[in-house]
């Protein structure tokens, strides 16, 4: 099986790097679970916004996923922490789910660890992706 490529736009890459740097500079903001996002940034393929495939999850993307553990389907939007609101389906990029789905594409199965065990979802659809819509600076 070929290794999966995680795509991240150069714009998102820079903003996420600054976010992580800011969080890690304040001792009470340091979290061990951010290592997943840091690892993604270390191994991703950084591309221009107009080069990212339209089926890849980027910041501000709205997706539909199927939870293989609970057999439930959900629609969420991946956002920065300041815009997060679970009651409105806005998932923070620094949450375990948010960090896990960044850079994955439709059809991908995503697995990550949480305090309560392993979670597994399948990304069914990227309903809206800013880059595909020409919204390059959201």
N, C-alpha and C. Protein backbone atom coordinates (compact mmCIF):
# COMPACT_ATOMS: atom_id res chain seq x y z
N UNK A 1 0.85 -1.18 0.00
CA UNK A 1 0.00 0.00 0.00
C UNK A 1 0.89 1.24 0.00
N UNK A 2 0.69 2.16 -0.94
CA UNK A 2 1.52 3.36 -0.99
C UNK A 2 1.25 4.26 0.22
N UNK A 3 2.29 4.98 0.63
CA UNK A 3 2.14 5.89 1.76
C UNK A 3 1.23 7.04 1.38
N UNK A 4 0.33 7.38 2.27
CA UNK A 4 -0.62 8.46 2.04
C UNK A 4 0.08 9.80 2.18
N UNK A 5 -0.26 10.74 1.32
CA UNK A 5 0.31 12.07 1.37
C UNK A 5 -0.70 13.01 2.03
N UNK A 6 -0.25 13.72 3.06
CA UNK A 6 -1.08 14.72 3.72
C UNK A 6 -0.74 16.07 3.09
N UNK A 7 -1.73 16.71 2.47
CA UNK A 7 -1.55 18.01 1.84
C UNK A 7 -2.02 19.12 2.78
N UNK A 8 -1.24 20.17 2.88
CA UNK A 8 -1.61 21.35 3.64
C UNK A 8 -1.19 22.57 2.83
N UNK A 9 -2.07 23.57 2.79
CA UNK A 9 -1.70 24.77 2.04
C UNK A 9 -0.60 25.54 2.78
N UNK A 10 0.20 26.27 2.03
CA UNK A 10 1.26 27.04 2.66
C UNK A 10 0.68 28.07 3.63
N UNK A 11 -0.47 28.61 3.31
CA UNK A 11 -1.15 29.58 4.18
C UNK A 11 -1.54 28.92 5.51
N UNK A 12 -2.18 27.75 5.46
CA UNK A 12 -2.55 27.03 6.68
C UNK A 12 -1.32 26.59 7.45
N UNK A 13 -0.30 26.15 6.74
CA UNK A 13 0.94 25.68 7.38
C UNK A 13 1.55 26.80 8.24
N UNK A 14 1.63 27.99 7.68
CA UNK A 14 2.20 29.12 8.42
C UNK A 14 1.34 29.47 9.63
N UNK A 15 0.03 29.54 9.43
CA UNK A 15 -0.86 29.91 10.53
C UNK A 15 -0.86 28.87 11.64
N UNK A 16 -0.82 27.59 11.27
CA UNK A 16 -0.80 26.54 12.28
C UNK A 16 0.53 26.52 13.03
N UNK A 17 1.61 26.78 12.32
CA UNK A 17 2.91 26.87 12.97
C UNK A 17 2.93 27.97 14.01
N UNK A 18 2.37 29.12 13.69
CA UNK A 18 2.30 30.24 14.64
C UNK A 18 1.40 29.90 15.83
N UNK A 19 0.28 29.23 15.55
CA UNK A 19 -0.63 28.83 16.63
C UNK A 19 0.07 27.89 17.60
N UNK A 20 0.74 26.87 17.08
CA UNK A 20 1.43 25.91 17.95
C UNK A 20 2.58 26.57 18.71
N UNK A 21 3.30 27.44 18.04
CA UNK A 21 4.39 28.16 18.70
C UNK A 21 3.84 29.00 19.86
N UNK A 22 2.76 29.69 19.61
CA UNK A 22 2.13 30.52 20.64
C UNK A 22 1.65 29.66 21.82
N UNK A 23 1.00 28.55 21.52
CA UNK A 23 0.48 27.68 22.58
C UNK A 23 1.62 27.07 23.39
N UNK A 24 2.67 26.64 22.72
CA UNK A 24 3.78 26.00 23.41
C UNK A 24 4.64 26.97 24.20
N UNK A 25 4.53 28.27 23.92
CA UNK A 25 5.34 29.25 24.63
C UNK A 25 4.76 29.58 26.01
N UNK A 26 3.51 29.23 26.24
CA UNK A 26 2.86 29.46 27.53
C UNK A 26 2.72 28.12 28.23
N UNK A 27 3.42 27.92 29.36
CA UNK A 27 3.43 26.60 30.02
C UNK A 27 2.05 25.99 30.25
N UNK A 28 1.06 26.77 30.66
CA UNK A 28 -0.27 26.20 30.92
C UNK A 28 -1.02 25.83 29.66
N UNK A 29 -0.56 26.27 28.49
CA UNK A 29 -1.19 25.91 27.22
C UNK A 29 -0.59 24.67 26.59
N UNK A 30 0.54 24.20 27.08
CA UNK A 30 1.19 23.02 26.49
C UNK A 30 0.33 21.79 26.72
N UNK A 31 0.14 21.04 25.64
CA UNK A 31 -0.67 19.83 25.73
C UNK A 31 0.02 18.71 24.97
N UNK A 32 0.06 17.55 25.58
CA UNK A 32 0.68 16.39 24.93
C UNK A 32 -0.08 15.98 23.68
N UNK A 33 -1.40 16.21 23.65
CA UNK A 33 -2.19 15.75 22.51
C UNK A 33 -1.98 16.62 21.26
N UNK A 34 -1.23 17.71 21.37
CA UNK A 34 -0.93 18.52 20.19
C UNK A 34 0.18 17.89 19.34
N UNK A 35 0.81 16.86 19.87
CA UNK A 35 1.89 16.22 19.11
C UNK A 35 1.38 15.63 17.80
N UNK A 36 0.12 15.21 17.74
CA UNK A 36 -0.46 14.69 16.49
C UNK A 36 -0.43 15.76 15.42
N UNK A 37 -0.86 16.96 15.76
CA UNK A 37 -0.86 18.07 14.81
C UNK A 37 0.57 18.46 14.45
N UNK A 38 1.46 18.50 15.43
CA UNK A 38 2.86 18.83 15.15
C UNK A 38 3.49 17.80 14.21
N UNK A 39 3.17 16.53 14.41
CA UNK A 39 3.70 15.47 13.53
C UNK A 39 3.17 15.62 12.11
N UNK A 40 1.89 15.97 11.98
CA UNK A 40 1.31 16.18 10.65
C UNK A 40 2.05 17.30 9.93
N UNK A 41 2.35 18.37 10.64
CA UNK A 41 3.02 19.51 10.02
C UNK A 41 4.46 19.16 9.62
N UNK A 42 5.09 18.27 10.36
CA UNK A 42 6.46 17.86 10.03
C UNK A 42 6.53 16.99 8.79
N UNK A 43 5.47 16.20 8.55
CA UNK A 43 5.54 15.23 7.46
C UNK A 43 4.63 15.55 6.26
N UNK A 44 3.96 16.69 6.30
CA UNK A 44 3.00 17.00 5.25
C UNK A 44 3.67 17.52 3.98
N UNK A 45 2.89 17.57 2.91
CA UNK A 45 3.33 18.20 1.67
C UNK A 45 2.66 19.57 1.60
N UNK A 46 3.48 20.61 1.66
CA UNK A 46 2.98 21.98 1.64
C UNK A 46 2.82 22.42 0.19
N UNK A 47 1.63 22.89 -0.15
CA UNK A 47 1.34 23.31 -1.53
C UNK A 47 0.65 24.68 -1.53
N UNK A 48 0.68 25.34 -2.67
CA UNK A 48 -0.04 26.60 -2.83
C UNK A 48 -1.54 26.32 -2.73
N UNK A 49 -2.34 27.27 -2.24
CA UNK A 49 -3.78 27.04 -2.10
C UNK A 49 -4.47 26.58 -3.38
N UNK A 50 -4.04 27.08 -4.53
CA UNK A 50 -4.69 26.67 -5.78
C UNK A 50 -4.24 25.30 -6.27
N UNK A 51 -3.30 24.68 -5.57
CA UNK A 51 -2.80 23.35 -5.96
C UNK A 51 -3.35 22.23 -5.08
N UNK A 52 -4.07 22.57 -4.04
CA UNK A 52 -4.56 21.53 -3.13
C UNK A 52 -5.73 20.81 -3.79
N UNK A 53 -5.74 19.48 -3.76
CA UNK A 53 -6.87 18.75 -4.33
C UNK A 53 -8.18 19.15 -3.64
N UNK A 54 -9.25 19.24 -4.40
CA UNK A 54 -10.54 19.71 -3.88
C UNK A 54 -11.17 18.77 -2.87
N UNK A 55 -10.71 17.54 -2.79
CA UNK A 55 -11.31 16.57 -1.86
C UNK A 55 -10.52 16.44 -0.56
N UNK A 56 -9.59 17.36 -0.29
CA UNK A 56 -8.74 17.31 0.90
C UNK A 56 -9.28 18.27 1.95
N UNK A 57 -9.25 17.85 3.21
CA UNK A 57 -9.72 18.67 4.32
C UNK A 57 -8.66 19.72 4.67
N UNK A 58 -9.06 20.99 4.58
CA UNK A 58 -8.22 22.11 4.95
C UNK A 58 -8.94 22.90 6.05
N UNK A 59 -8.27 23.89 6.60
CA UNK A 59 -8.94 24.75 7.58
C UNK A 59 -10.15 25.41 6.94
N UNK A 60 -11.21 25.47 7.69
CA UNK A 60 -12.51 26.02 7.26
C UNK A 60 -13.26 25.14 6.28
N UNK A 61 -12.79 23.91 6.09
CA UNK A 61 -13.54 22.95 5.28
C UNK A 61 -14.72 22.42 6.09
N UNK A 62 -15.81 22.16 5.38
CA UNK A 62 -16.99 21.52 5.98
C UNK A 62 -17.04 20.11 5.42
N UNK A 63 -17.09 19.13 6.33
CA UNK A 63 -17.05 17.74 5.89
C UNK A 63 -18.18 16.92 6.51
N UNK A 64 -18.47 15.83 5.85
CA UNK A 64 -19.39 14.82 6.39
C UNK A 64 -18.56 13.57 6.63
N UNK A 65 -18.62 13.05 7.87
CA UNK A 65 -17.87 11.83 8.16
C UNK A 65 -18.76 10.80 8.84
N UNK A 66 -18.32 9.55 8.75
CA UNK A 66 -19.02 8.43 9.37
C UNK A 66 -18.12 7.88 10.46
N UNK A 67 -18.64 7.84 11.69
CA UNK A 67 -17.90 7.31 12.83
C UNK A 67 -18.04 5.79 12.82
N UNK A 68 -16.95 5.09 12.57
CA UNK A 68 -16.99 3.63 12.47
C UNK A 68 -17.17 2.96 13.83
N UNK A 69 -16.94 3.70 14.93
CA UNK A 69 -17.15 3.15 16.26
C UNK A 69 -18.63 3.23 16.66
N UNK A 70 -19.22 4.40 16.51
CA UNK A 70 -20.60 4.61 16.96
C UNK A 70 -21.63 4.41 15.86
N UNK A 71 -21.16 4.28 14.60
CA UNK A 71 -22.04 4.11 13.43
C UNK A 71 -22.91 5.35 13.20
N UNK A 72 -22.40 6.52 13.60
CA UNK A 72 -23.13 7.77 13.40
C UNK A 72 -22.44 8.62 12.35
N UNK A 73 -23.23 9.42 11.68
CA UNK A 73 -22.71 10.35 10.69
C UNK A 73 -22.83 11.77 11.25
N UNK A 74 -21.82 12.59 10.96
CA UNK A 74 -21.84 13.98 11.42
C UNK A 74 -21.30 14.89 10.33
N UNK A 75 -21.69 16.15 10.42
CA UNK A 75 -21.15 17.19 9.56
C UNK A 75 -20.47 18.20 10.47
N UNK A 76 -19.21 18.52 10.17
CA UNK A 76 -18.45 19.47 10.98
C UNK A 76 -17.65 20.39 10.07
N UNK A 77 -17.26 21.54 10.63
CA UNK A 77 -16.38 22.48 9.97
C UNK A 77 -15.12 22.58 10.80
N UNK A 78 -13.96 22.49 10.18
CA UNK A 78 -12.67 22.55 10.86
C UNK A 78 -12.24 24.01 10.98
N UNK A 79 -12.06 24.49 12.21
CA UNK A 79 -11.80 25.91 12.45
C UNK A 79 -10.66 26.13 13.44
N UNK A 80 -10.22 27.37 13.53
CA UNK A 80 -9.26 27.76 14.56
C UNK A 80 -9.96 27.75 15.91
N UNK A 81 -9.20 27.61 17.01
CA UNK A 81 -9.81 27.51 18.34
C UNK A 81 -10.78 28.64 18.67
N UNK A 82 -10.48 29.85 18.25
CA UNK A 82 -11.35 30.99 18.59
C UNK A 82 -12.72 30.90 17.93
N UNK A 83 -12.88 30.09 16.89
CA UNK A 83 -14.16 29.94 16.20
C UNK A 83 -14.87 28.63 16.53
N UNK A 84 -14.28 27.83 17.40
CA UNK A 84 -14.83 26.51 17.72
C UNK A 84 -16.14 26.64 18.50
N UNK A 85 -17.09 25.78 18.16
CA UNK A 85 -18.38 25.72 18.85
C UNK A 85 -19.01 24.38 18.47
N UNK A 86 -18.85 23.39 19.33
CA UNK A 86 -19.35 22.05 19.01
C UNK A 86 -20.85 22.02 18.78
N UNK A 87 -21.60 22.90 19.47
CA UNK A 87 -23.05 22.91 19.28
C UNK A 87 -23.43 23.35 17.86
N UNK A 88 -22.52 24.02 17.17
CA UNK A 88 -22.75 24.45 15.79
C UNK A 88 -21.91 23.64 14.80
N UNK A 89 -21.29 22.56 15.28
CA UNK A 89 -20.51 21.69 14.41
C UNK A 89 -19.17 22.26 14.00
N UNK A 90 -18.65 23.23 14.75
CA UNK A 90 -17.35 23.83 14.44
C UNK A 90 -16.30 23.23 15.37
N UNK A 91 -15.43 22.41 14.79
CA UNK A 91 -14.43 21.64 15.53
C UNK A 91 -13.08 22.35 15.44
N UNK A 92 -12.44 22.53 16.57
CA UNK A 92 -11.14 23.20 16.62
C UNK A 92 -10.04 22.32 16.03
N UNK A 93 -9.13 22.97 15.32
CA UNK A 93 -7.98 22.28 14.76
C UNK A 93 -7.09 21.67 15.85
N UNK A 94 -7.15 22.20 17.07
CA UNK A 94 -6.31 21.66 18.13
C UNK A 94 -7.02 20.58 18.95
N UNK A 95 -8.27 20.26 18.60
CA UNK A 95 -8.96 19.14 19.24
C UNK A 95 -8.41 17.85 18.62
N UNK A 96 -8.54 16.73 19.32
CA UNK A 96 -8.05 15.47 18.73
C UNK A 96 -8.67 15.17 17.36
N UNK A 97 -9.97 15.38 17.20
CA UNK A 97 -10.62 15.15 15.91
C UNK A 97 -10.10 16.12 14.87
N UNK A 98 -10.04 17.39 15.21
CA UNK A 98 -9.58 18.41 14.27
C UNK A 98 -8.17 18.16 13.78
N UNK A 99 -7.27 17.85 14.70
CA UNK A 99 -5.89 17.57 14.31
C UNK A 99 -5.81 16.32 13.46
N UNK A 100 -6.67 15.36 13.74
CA UNK A 100 -6.62 14.09 13.01
C UNK A 100 -7.07 14.21 11.57
N UNK A 101 -8.08 15.04 11.28
CA UNK A 101 -8.65 15.07 9.93
C UNK A 101 -7.94 16.01 8.96
N UNK A 102 -7.16 16.95 9.48
CA UNK A 102 -6.48 17.91 8.61
C UNK A 102 -5.62 17.19 7.58
N UNK A 103 -5.80 17.53 6.32
CA UNK A 103 -4.98 16.97 5.25
C UNK A 103 -5.46 15.63 4.69
N UNK A 104 -6.47 15.05 5.31
CA UNK A 104 -7.02 13.80 4.79
C UNK A 104 -8.04 14.11 3.70
N UNK A 105 -8.41 13.10 2.93
CA UNK A 105 -9.29 13.31 1.78
C UNK A 105 -10.53 12.42 1.87
N UNK A 106 -11.50 12.72 1.02
CA UNK A 106 -12.71 11.90 0.93
C UNK A 106 -12.31 10.44 0.75
N UNK A 107 -12.99 9.57 1.49
CA UNK A 107 -12.73 8.14 1.40
C UNK A 107 -11.67 7.65 2.37
N UNK A 108 -10.86 8.56 2.92
CA UNK A 108 -9.82 8.15 3.87
C UNK A 108 -10.43 7.71 5.19
N UNK A 109 -9.82 6.69 5.78
CA UNK A 109 -10.17 6.26 7.13
C UNK A 109 -9.12 6.86 8.05
N UNK A 110 -9.58 7.55 9.08
CA UNK A 110 -8.71 8.28 10.00
C UNK A 110 -8.82 7.64 11.37
N UNK A 111 -7.69 7.32 11.97
CA UNK A 111 -7.64 6.70 13.29
C UNK A 111 -6.78 7.57 14.20
N UNK A 112 -7.24 7.80 15.42
CA UNK A 112 -6.44 8.53 16.40
C UNK A 112 -6.79 8.04 17.79
N UNK A 113 -5.89 8.32 18.73
CA UNK A 113 -6.08 7.92 20.12
C UNK A 113 -6.69 9.07 20.90
N UNK A 114 -7.60 8.70 21.83
CA UNK A 114 -8.17 9.67 22.76
C UNK A 114 -8.01 9.10 24.16
N UNK A 115 -8.42 9.87 25.15
CA UNK A 115 -8.34 9.39 26.53
C UNK A 115 -9.20 8.16 26.74
N UNK A 116 -10.29 8.06 25.98
CA UNK A 116 -11.22 6.94 26.15
C UNK A 116 -10.96 5.78 25.18
N UNK A 117 -9.89 5.86 24.42
CA UNK A 117 -9.57 4.78 23.50
C UNK A 117 -9.35 5.27 22.08
N UNK A 118 -9.36 4.35 21.15
CA UNK A 118 -9.11 4.65 19.75
C UNK A 118 -10.40 5.03 19.03
N UNK A 119 -10.33 6.06 18.20
CA UNK A 119 -11.47 6.50 17.40
C UNK A 119 -11.15 6.28 15.93
N UNK A 120 -12.17 5.91 15.17
CA UNK A 120 -12.00 5.67 13.74
C UNK A 120 -13.18 6.27 12.98
N UNK A 121 -12.86 7.09 11.99
CA UNK A 121 -13.91 7.66 11.14
C UNK A 121 -13.51 7.49 9.68
N UNK A 122 -14.49 7.64 8.81
CA UNK A 122 -14.24 7.67 7.37
C UNK A 122 -14.79 9.00 6.86
N UNK A 123 -13.96 9.74 6.14
CA UNK A 123 -14.41 10.99 5.57
C UNK A 123 -15.24 10.67 4.34
N UNK A 124 -16.52 10.96 4.41
CA UNK A 124 -17.45 10.64 3.33
C UNK A 124 -17.44 11.70 2.23
N UNK A 125 -17.37 12.98 2.64
CA UNK A 125 -17.49 14.05 1.66
C UNK A 125 -16.88 15.34 2.20
N UNK A 126 -16.17 16.04 1.35
CA UNK A 126 -15.76 17.41 1.65
C UNK A 126 -16.83 18.28 1.00
N UNK A 127 -17.74 18.77 1.81
CA UNK A 127 -18.89 19.53 1.32
C UNK A 127 -18.44 20.90 0.81
N UNK A 128 -17.54 21.51 1.56
CA UNK A 128 -17.02 22.83 1.18
C UNK A 128 -15.54 22.88 1.56
N UNK A 129 -14.74 23.31 0.62
CA UNK A 129 -13.32 23.54 0.87
C UNK A 129 -13.02 24.95 0.35
N UNK A 130 -12.51 25.83 1.21
CA UNK A 130 -12.27 27.22 0.78
C UNK A 130 -11.43 27.34 -0.48
N UNK A 131 -10.40 26.57 -0.58
CA UNK A 131 -9.50 26.66 -1.73
C UNK A 131 -10.20 26.28 -3.02
N UNK A 132 -11.00 25.23 -2.98
CA UNK A 132 -11.74 24.81 -4.18
C UNK A 132 -12.77 25.85 -4.59
N UNK A 133 -13.28 26.60 -3.60
CA UNK A 133 -14.28 27.63 -3.88
C UNK A 133 -13.64 28.97 -4.25
N UNK A 134 -12.30 29.02 -4.22
CA UNK A 134 -11.60 30.27 -4.54
C UNK A 134 -11.51 31.21 -3.36
N UNK A 135 -11.85 30.75 -2.17
CA UNK A 135 -11.76 31.55 -0.94
C UNK A 135 -10.41 31.28 -0.29
N UNK A 136 -9.36 31.85 -0.82
CA UNK A 136 -8.00 31.49 -0.43
C UNK A 136 -7.53 32.07 0.90
N UNK A 137 -8.25 33.01 1.49
CA UNK A 137 -7.74 33.62 2.72
C UNK A 137 -8.70 33.54 3.89
N UNK A 138 -9.42 32.44 3.99
CA UNK A 138 -10.30 32.25 5.15
C UNK A 138 -9.52 31.73 6.33
